[in-house]
């Protein structure tokens, strides 16, 4: 395996567990699927833009499953590594901005 994670093995294991969850709670999985189909039914954003947003959110939420799914979808939509890197840069900057803002909350809570 090269890289940080064996994404092929991760995807296979996640699919197996997804099947198990579907068997245990089919309505939950059906609802999750409907939510995803609804989010993909945009009129103003193309598929590549949606997937770049999804990747930026995926690293913010630290979701390996989201990374796995949306890297594949972004590639399929024509996104390049360079475009992904720029979208990730926006997410990294926003996370830093959120930490900065919450640092101000700490100082406010600490008083003078």
C-alpha atoms as a PDB file:
ATOM      1  CA  UNK A   1       0.000   0.000   0.000  1.00  0.00           C
ATOM      2  CA  UNK A   2       1.254   3.444  -0.830  1.00  0.00           C
ATOM      3  CA  UNK A   3      -0.040   6.585   0.754  1.00  0.00           C
ATOM      4  CA  UNK A   4      -1.868   7.074   4.012  1.00  0.00           C
ATOM      5  CA  UNK A   5      -4.731   4.628   3.575  1.00  0.00           C
ATOM      6  CA  UNK A   6      -5.658   1.704   1.339  1.00  0.00           C
ATOM      7  CA  UNK A   7      -8.752   3.372  -0.119  1.00  0.00           C
ATOM      8  CA  UNK A   8      -9.777   0.281  -2.098  1.00  0.00           C
ATOM      9  CA  UNK A   9      -9.881  -1.834   1.051  1.00  0.00           C
ATOM     10  CA  UNK A  10     -11.595   0.982   2.960  1.00  0.00           C
ATOM     11  CA  UNK A  11     -14.291   1.260   0.285  1.00  0.00           C
ATOM     12  CA  UNK A  12     -14.894  -2.500   0.233  1.00  0.00           C
ATOM     13  CA  UNK A  13     -15.213  -2.653   4.022  1.00  0.00           C
ATOM     14  CA  UNK A  14     -17.511   0.380   4.095  1.00  0.00           C
ATOM     15  CA  UNK A  15     -19.739  -1.155   1.421  1.00  0.00           C
ATOM     16  CA  UNK A  16     -19.979  -4.388   3.419  1.00  0.00           C
ATOM     17  CA  UNK A  17     -20.944  -2.488   6.560  1.00  0.00           C
ATOM     18  CA  UNK A  18     -23.373  -0.379   4.530  1.00  0.00           C
ATOM     19  CA  UNK A  19     -25.125  -3.552   3.425  1.00  0.00           C
ATOM     20  CA  UNK A  20     -25.313  -4.659   7.055  1.00  0.00           C
ATOM     21  CA  UNK A  21     -26.824  -1.328   8.117  1.00  0.00           C
ATOM     22  CA  UNK A  22     -29.292  -1.489   5.223  1.00  0.00           C
ATOM     23  CA  UNK A  23     -30.438  -4.915   6.403  1.00  0.00           C
ATOM     24  CA  UNK A  24     -30.807  -3.668   9.985  1.00  0.00           C
ATOM     25  CA  UNK A  25     -32.462  -0.316   9.233  1.00  0.00           C
ATOM     26  CA  UNK A  26     -33.573  -0.055   5.593  1.00  0.00           C
ATOM     27  CA  UNK A  27     -35.673   3.101   6.069  1.00  0.00           C
ATOM     28  CA  UNK A  28     -32.690   4.989   7.501  1.00  0.00           C
ATOM     29  CA  UNK A  29     -30.534   4.088   4.521  1.00  0.00           C
ATOM     30  CA  UNK A  30     -33.385   4.901   2.122  1.00  0.00           C
ATOM     31  CA  UNK A  31     -33.705   8.346   3.740  1.00  0.00           C
ATOM     32  CA  UNK A  32     -29.965   8.946   3.545  1.00  0.00           C
ATOM     33  CA  UNK A  33     -30.046   8.030  -0.147  1.00  0.00           C
ATOM     34  CA  UNK A  34     -32.948  10.444  -0.748  1.00  0.00           C
ATOM     35  CA  UNK A  35     -31.031  13.240   0.981  1.00  0.00           C
ATOM     36  CA  UNK A  36     -28.013  12.611  -1.238  1.00  0.00           C
ATOM     37  CA  UNK A  37     -30.111  12.468  -4.402  1.00  0.00           C
ATOM     38  CA  UNK A  38     -31.773  15.732  -3.418  1.00  0.00           C
ATOM     39  CA  UNK A  39     -28.415  17.435  -2.821  1.00  0.00           C
ATOM     40  CA  UNK A  40     -27.201  16.231  -6.224  1.00  0.00           C
ATOM     41  CA  UNK A  41     -30.257  17.695  -7.981  1.00  0.00           C
ATOM     42  CA  UNK A  42     -28.969  21.229  -8.356  1.00  0.00           C
ATOM     43  CA  UNK A  43     -29.941  23.712 -11.031  1.00  0.00           C
ATOM     44  CA  UNK A  44     -27.103  26.184 -10.646  1.00  0.00           C
ATOM     45  CA  UNK A  45     -24.060  24.109  -9.669  1.00  0.00           C
ATOM     46  CA  UNK A  46     -22.469  21.561 -11.956  1.00  0.00           C
ATOM     47  CA  UNK A  47     -21.389  18.136 -10.724  1.00  0.00           C
ATOM     48  CA  UNK A  48     -17.707  19.092 -10.496  1.00  0.00           C
ATOM     49  CA  UNK A  49     -18.434  22.155  -8.353  1.00  0.00           C
ATOM     50  CA  UNK A  50     -20.696  20.129  -6.043  1.00  0.00           C
ATOM     51  CA  UNK A  51     -17.984  17.501  -5.611  1.00  0.00           C
ATOM     52  CA  UNK A  52     -15.294  20.091  -4.896  1.00  0.00           C
ATOM     53  CA  UNK A  53     -17.551  21.563  -2.200  1.00  0.00           C
ATOM     54  CA  UNK A  54     -18.173  18.059  -0.854  1.00  0.00           C
ATOM     55  CA  UNK A  55     -14.427  17.408  -0.603  1.00  0.00           C
ATOM     56  CA  UNK A  56     -13.868  20.674   1.241  1.00  0.00           C
ATOM     57  CA  UNK A  57     -16.611  19.763   3.707  1.00  0.00           C
ATOM     58  CA  UNK A  58     -15.311  16.179   3.992  1.00  0.00           C
ATOM     59  CA  UNK A  59     -11.988  17.317   5.407  1.00  0.00           C
ATOM     60  CA  UNK A  60     -13.726  19.736   7.754  1.00  0.00           C
ATOM     61  CA  UNK A  61     -15.939  16.972   9.137  1.00  0.00           C
ATOM     62  CA  UNK A  62     -13.053  14.460   9.081  1.00  0.00           C
ATOM     63  CA  UNK A  63     -15.181  11.900   7.223  1.00  0.00           C
ATOM     64  CA  UNK A  64     -13.182   9.138   5.538  1.00  0.00           C
ATOM     65  CA  UNK A  65     -16.308   7.788   3.869  1.00  0.00           C
ATOM     66  CA  UNK A  66     -17.039  11.219   2.409  1.00  0.00           C
ATOM     67  CA  UNK A  67     -13.454  11.544   1.168  1.00  0.00           C
ATOM     68  CA  UNK A  68     -13.626   8.103  -0.424  1.00  0.00           C
ATOM     69  CA  UNK A  69     -16.948   8.717  -2.175  1.00  0.00           C
ATOM     70  CA  UNK A  70     -16.382  12.297  -3.255  1.00  0.00           C
ATOM     71  CA  UNK A  71     -12.845  11.855  -4.593  1.00  0.00           C
ATOM     72  CA  UNK A  72     -14.225   9.206  -6.930  1.00  0.00           C
ATOM     73  CA  UNK A  73     -17.197  11.393  -7.878  1.00  0.00           C
ATOM     74  CA  UNK A  74     -14.996  14.473  -8.351  1.00  0.00           C
ATOM     75  CA  UNK A  75     -12.675  12.560 -10.676  1.00  0.00           C
ATOM     76  CA  UNK A  76     -15.676  11.243 -12.606  1.00  0.00           C
ATOM     77  CA  UNK A  77     -16.966  14.835 -12.933  1.00  0.00           C
ATOM     78  CA  UNK A  78     -13.596  15.881 -14.388  1.00  0.00           C
ATOM     79  CA  UNK A  79     -11.996  17.526 -11.360  1.00  0.00           C
ATOM     80  CA  UNK A  80      -8.213  17.569 -11.388  1.00  0.00           C
ATOM     81  CA  UNK A  81      -5.905  17.127  -8.404  1.00  0.00           C
ATOM     82  CA  UNK A  82      -5.047  20.804  -8.766  1.00  0.00           C
ATOM     83  CA  UNK A  83      -8.713  21.825  -8.530  1.00  0.00           C
ATOM     84  CA  UNK A  84      -9.184  19.541  -5.542  1.00  0.00           C
ATOM     85  CA  UNK A  85      -6.129  21.082  -3.876  1.00  0.00           C
ATOM     86  CA  UNK A  86      -7.530  24.593  -4.350  1.00  0.00           C
ATOM     87  CA  UNK A  87     -10.910  23.578  -2.885  1.00  0.00           C
ATOM     88  CA  UNK A  88      -9.113  21.952   0.040  1.00  0.00           C
ATOM     89  CA  UNK A  89      -7.109  25.140   0.527  1.00  0.00           C
ATOM     90  CA  UNK A  90     -10.341  27.087   1.001  1.00  0.00           C
ATOM     91  CA  UNK A  91     -11.471  24.550   3.602  1.00  0.00           C
ATOM     92  CA  UNK A  92      -8.136  24.679   5.430  1.00  0.00           C
ATOM     93  CA  UNK A  93      -8.259  28.486   5.540  1.00  0.00           C
ATOM     94  CA  UNK A  94     -11.839  28.474   6.824  1.00  0.00           C
ATOM     95  CA  UNK A  95     -10.940  25.989   9.539  1.00  0.00           C
ATOM     96  CA  UNK A  96      -8.076  28.238  10.586  1.00  0.00           C
ATOM     97  CA  UNK A  97     -10.480  31.185  10.572  1.00  0.00           C
ATOM     98  CA  UNK A  98     -12.907  29.300  12.797  1.00  0.00           C
ATOM     99  CA  UNK A  99     -10.113  28.474  15.240  1.00  0.00           C
ATOM    100  CA  UNK A 100      -9.068  32.135  15.237  1.00  0.00           C
ATOM    101  CA  UNK A 101     -12.647  33.235  15.952  1.00  0.00           C
ATOM    102  CA  UNK A 102     -13.012  30.749  18.790  1.00  0.00           C
ATOM    103  CA  UNK A 103      -9.711  31.931  20.231  1.00  0.00           C
ATOM    104  CA  UNK A 104     -11.394  35.330  20.553  1.00  0.00           C
ATOM    105  CA  UNK A 105     -14.284  33.634  22.403  1.00  0.00           C
ATOM    106  CA  UNK A 106     -11.786  32.166  24.865  1.00  0.00           C
ATOM    107  CA  UNK A 107     -10.259  35.577  25.519  1.00  0.00           C
ATOM    108  CA  UNK A 108     -13.742  37.042  25.928  1.00  0.00           C
ATOM    109  CA  UNK A 109     -14.734  34.292  28.380  1.00  0.00           C
ATOM    110  CA  UNK A 110     -11.487  34.768  30.315  1.00  0.00           C
ATOM    111  CA  UNK A 111     -12.279  38.442  30.865  1.00  0.00           C
ATOM    112  CA  UNK A 112      -9.614  40.944  31.789  1.00  0.00           C
END
